[in-house]
């Protein structure tokens, strides 16, 4: 199965339509990105491990979290190797 990791990030008081969305194909790539771009207090984050896209265009969420460390922990606990 092909998995992808999606991150949405934006300023806490802004509209969700203004959030930036990024896609990573491995947990290692996400960890490298976070090492060089740490989370900031004024931003809100949403992490999602997706197993694909439904016919209506929405992602099929497997694991999600609002913080990087919690997301990594949940992905590892799920047993999914990405």
N, C-alpha and C. Protein backbone atom coordinates (compact mmCIF):
# COMPACT_ATOMS: atom_id res chain seq x y z
N UNK A 1 0.85 -1.18 0.00
CA UNK A 1 0.00 0.00 0.00
C UNK A 1 0.89 1.24 0.00
N UNK A 2 0.49 2.25 -0.72
CA UNK A 2 1.25 3.50 -0.78
C UNK A 2 0.70 4.49 0.24
N UNK A 3 1.57 4.91 1.13
CA UNK A 3 1.20 5.88 2.15
C UNK A 3 1.86 7.22 1.85
N UNK A 4 1.25 8.28 2.34
CA UNK A 4 1.88 9.59 2.29
C UNK A 4 1.56 10.32 3.59
N UNK A 5 2.45 11.23 3.94
CA UNK A 5 2.28 12.04 5.14
C UNK A 5 1.96 13.46 4.70
N UNK A 6 0.90 14.01 5.25
CA UNK A 6 0.50 15.37 4.93
C UNK A 6 0.61 16.24 6.18
N UNK A 7 1.09 17.45 5.99
CA UNK A 7 1.15 18.42 7.08
C UNK A 7 0.43 19.68 6.61
N UNK A 8 -0.45 20.18 7.45
CA UNK A 8 -1.05 21.49 7.23
C UNK A 8 -0.56 22.39 8.35
N UNK A 9 -0.07 23.58 8.00
CA UNK A 9 0.41 24.50 9.03
C UNK A 9 0.02 25.91 8.68
N UNK A 10 -0.35 26.66 9.72
CA UNK A 10 -0.73 28.05 9.53
C UNK A 10 -0.78 28.78 10.85
N UNK A 11 -0.88 30.08 10.77
CA UNK A 11 -0.96 30.90 11.98
C UNK A 11 -2.28 30.59 12.68
N UNK A 12 -2.23 30.47 14.01
CA UNK A 12 -3.38 30.01 14.80
C UNK A 12 -4.67 30.77 14.52
N UNK A 13 -4.63 32.05 14.33
CA UNK A 13 -5.86 32.83 14.15
C UNK A 13 -6.31 32.91 12.70
N UNK A 14 -5.56 32.33 11.77
CA UNK A 14 -5.90 32.45 10.35
C UNK A 14 -6.93 31.39 9.94
N UNK A 15 -7.51 31.61 8.78
CA UNK A 15 -8.49 30.70 8.21
C UNK A 15 -7.77 29.44 7.69
N UNK A 16 -8.41 28.29 7.81
CA UNK A 16 -7.79 27.04 7.35
C UNK A 16 -7.46 27.08 5.86
N UNK A 17 -8.19 27.84 5.08
CA UNK A 17 -7.91 27.95 3.65
C UNK A 17 -6.55 28.59 3.39
N UNK A 18 -6.03 29.32 4.36
CA UNK A 18 -4.73 29.98 4.22
C UNK A 18 -3.56 29.11 4.69
N UNK A 19 -3.83 27.92 5.18
CA UNK A 19 -2.76 27.04 5.67
C UNK A 19 -1.94 26.50 4.50
N UNK A 20 -0.66 26.28 4.75
CA UNK A 20 0.22 25.62 3.79
C UNK A 20 0.13 24.12 4.01
N UNK A 21 0.12 23.36 2.92
CA UNK A 21 0.06 21.90 3.01
C UNK A 21 1.28 21.33 2.31
N UNK A 22 1.94 20.38 2.98
CA UNK A 22 3.11 19.72 2.42
C UNK A 22 2.91 18.21 2.46
N UNK A 23 3.53 17.52 1.53
CA UNK A 23 3.43 16.06 1.47
C UNK A 23 4.83 15.45 1.55
N UNK A 24 4.94 14.38 2.33
CA UNK A 24 6.19 13.63 2.47
C UNK A 24 5.89 12.17 2.21
N UNK A 25 6.83 11.48 1.58
CA UNK A 25 6.63 10.08 1.25
C UNK A 25 7.25 9.12 2.25
N UNK A 26 7.98 9.67 3.24
CA UNK A 26 8.55 8.82 4.28
C UNK A 26 8.63 9.58 5.59
N UNK A 27 8.63 8.85 6.68
CA UNK A 27 8.76 9.44 8.00
C UNK A 27 10.15 10.06 8.16
N UNK A 28 11.14 9.45 7.54
CA UNK A 28 12.51 9.97 7.60
C UNK A 28 12.59 11.35 6.94
N UNK A 29 11.92 11.53 5.80
CA UNK A 29 11.90 12.84 5.13
C UNK A 29 11.23 13.89 6.01
N UNK A 30 10.14 13.51 6.67
CA UNK A 30 9.46 14.43 7.57
C UNK A 30 10.36 14.81 8.74
N UNK A 31 11.07 13.84 9.30
CA UNK A 31 11.96 14.11 10.43
C UNK A 31 13.10 15.04 10.02
N UNK A 32 13.64 14.87 8.82
CA UNK A 32 14.68 15.78 8.31
C UNK A 32 14.13 17.19 8.17
N UNK A 33 12.91 17.30 7.64
CA UNK A 33 12.29 18.61 7.47
C UNK A 33 12.09 19.29 8.83
N UNK A 34 11.56 18.57 9.80
CA UNK A 34 11.30 19.14 11.13
C UNK A 34 12.60 19.50 11.85
N UNK A 35 13.67 18.78 11.58
CA UNK A 35 14.96 19.11 12.20
C UNK A 35 15.45 20.48 11.73
N UNK A 36 15.17 20.82 10.48
CA UNK A 36 15.60 22.12 9.95
C UNK A 36 14.52 23.19 10.04
N UNK A 37 13.28 22.79 10.27
CA UNK A 37 12.15 23.72 10.40
C UNK A 37 11.29 23.32 11.60
N UNK A 38 11.72 23.63 12.82
CA UNK A 38 10.95 23.22 14.01
C UNK A 38 9.58 23.91 14.09
N UNK A 39 8.67 23.27 14.82
CA UNK A 39 7.35 23.87 15.04
C UNK A 39 7.51 25.18 15.81
N UNK A 40 6.62 26.13 15.52
CA UNK A 40 6.65 27.44 16.19
C UNK A 40 5.36 27.60 17.00
N UNK A 41 5.47 28.32 18.11
CA UNK A 41 4.33 28.48 19.02
C UNK A 41 3.15 29.21 18.37
N UNK A 42 3.40 30.16 17.48
CA UNK A 42 2.29 30.94 16.91
C UNK A 42 1.57 30.20 15.78
N UNK A 43 2.07 29.02 15.42
CA UNK A 43 1.46 28.24 14.35
C UNK A 43 0.67 27.06 14.91
N UNK A 44 -0.30 26.62 14.11
CA UNK A 44 -1.07 25.43 14.42
C UNK A 44 -0.73 24.40 13.35
N UNK A 45 -0.62 23.13 13.76
CA UNK A 45 -0.20 22.07 12.86
C UNK A 45 -1.20 20.92 12.86
N UNK A 46 -1.28 20.25 11.73
CA UNK A 46 -2.08 19.04 11.63
C UNK A 46 -1.30 18.04 10.78
N UNK A 47 -1.05 16.87 11.34
CA UNK A 47 -0.30 15.81 10.65
C UNK A 47 -1.25 14.67 10.34
N UNK A 48 -1.12 14.09 9.14
CA UNK A 48 -2.00 13.00 8.72
C UNK A 48 -1.20 11.97 7.93
N UNK A 49 -1.36 10.70 8.30
CA UNK A 49 -0.84 9.60 7.50
C UNK A 49 -2.01 9.11 6.65
N UNK A 50 -1.86 9.22 5.34
CA UNK A 50 -2.93 8.88 4.42
C UNK A 50 -2.60 7.59 3.67
N UNK A 51 -3.63 6.78 3.45
CA UNK A 51 -3.44 5.55 2.68
C UNK A 51 -4.00 5.70 1.26
N UNK A 52 -4.36 6.91 0.88
CA UNK A 52 -4.88 7.14 -0.46
C UNK A 52 -5.96 8.20 -0.46
N UNK A 53 -6.63 8.31 -1.60
CA UNK A 53 -7.67 9.32 -1.77
C UNK A 53 -8.96 8.64 -2.19
N UNK A 54 -10.06 9.05 -1.57
CA UNK A 54 -11.38 8.54 -1.93
C UNK A 54 -11.84 9.17 -3.24
N UNK A 55 -12.95 8.68 -3.76
CA UNK A 55 -13.50 9.22 -5.01
C UNK A 55 -13.91 10.68 -4.87
N UNK A 56 -14.25 11.10 -3.65
CA UNK A 56 -14.66 12.50 -3.45
C UNK A 56 -13.47 13.44 -3.26
N UNK A 57 -12.23 12.90 -3.36
CA UNK A 57 -11.03 13.73 -3.26
C UNK A 57 -10.46 13.87 -1.86
N UNK A 58 -11.11 13.30 -0.87
CA UNK A 58 -10.61 13.39 0.51
C UNK A 58 -9.63 12.26 0.78
N UNK A 59 -8.65 12.57 1.62
CA UNK A 59 -7.65 11.56 1.98
C UNK A 59 -8.22 10.56 2.99
N UNK A 60 -7.73 9.34 2.91
CA UNK A 60 -8.12 8.28 3.85
C UNK A 60 -7.11 8.33 4.99
N UNK A 61 -7.53 8.88 6.12
CA UNK A 61 -6.64 9.06 7.26
C UNK A 61 -6.46 7.79 8.06
N UNK A 62 -5.21 7.46 8.35
CA UNK A 62 -4.88 6.29 9.16
C UNK A 62 -4.46 6.73 10.56
N UNK A 63 -3.57 7.72 10.61
CA UNK A 63 -3.04 8.26 11.87
C UNK A 63 -3.02 9.77 11.74
N UNK A 64 -3.42 10.47 12.82
CA UNK A 64 -3.32 11.93 12.80
C UNK A 64 -2.94 12.45 14.18
N UNK A 65 -2.40 13.68 14.19
CA UNK A 65 -2.01 14.33 15.44
C UNK A 65 -1.79 15.81 15.17
N UNK A 66 -1.79 16.59 16.24
CA UNK A 66 -1.59 18.04 16.13
C UNK A 66 -0.15 18.46 16.39
N UNK A 67 0.68 17.53 16.84
CA UNK A 67 2.08 17.85 17.13
C UNK A 67 2.99 16.78 16.56
N UNK A 68 4.17 17.19 16.14
CA UNK A 68 5.12 16.32 15.46
C UNK A 68 5.49 15.08 16.28
N UNK A 69 5.91 15.26 17.52
CA UNK A 69 6.36 14.12 18.33
C UNK A 69 5.23 13.13 18.57
N UNK A 70 4.03 13.63 18.80
CA UNK A 70 2.88 12.75 19.01
C UNK A 70 2.57 11.97 17.72
N UNK A 71 2.69 12.64 16.58
CA UNK A 71 2.43 11.98 15.31
C UNK A 71 3.43 10.85 15.06
N UNK A 72 4.71 11.13 15.26
CA UNK A 72 5.75 10.11 15.06
C UNK A 72 5.49 8.91 15.97
N UNK A 73 5.15 9.17 17.21
CA UNK A 73 4.87 8.10 18.17
C UNK A 73 3.68 7.25 17.70
N UNK A 74 2.62 7.90 17.25
CA UNK A 74 1.43 7.16 16.80
C UNK A 74 1.71 6.34 15.54
N UNK A 75 2.50 6.88 14.62
CA UNK A 75 2.84 6.12 13.41
C UNK A 75 3.63 4.88 13.80
N UNK A 76 4.60 5.02 14.68
CA UNK A 76 5.40 3.87 15.10
C UNK A 76 4.55 2.85 15.83
N UNK A 77 3.61 3.31 16.67
CA UNK A 77 2.71 2.40 17.39
C UNK A 77 1.78 1.66 16.45
N UNK A 78 1.44 2.27 15.31
CA UNK A 78 0.52 1.64 14.37
C UNK A 78 1.15 0.43 13.67
N UNK A 79 2.49 0.37 13.69
CA UNK A 79 3.17 -0.73 13.03
C UNK A 79 3.37 -0.53 11.53
N UNK A 80 2.93 0.60 11.02
CA UNK A 80 3.09 0.89 9.60
C UNK A 80 4.50 1.40 9.36
N UNK A 81 5.16 0.81 8.39
CA UNK A 81 6.54 1.20 8.07
C UNK A 81 6.51 2.10 6.84
N UNK A 82 6.75 3.37 7.06
CA UNK A 82 6.75 4.32 5.96
C UNK A 82 8.06 5.08 5.95
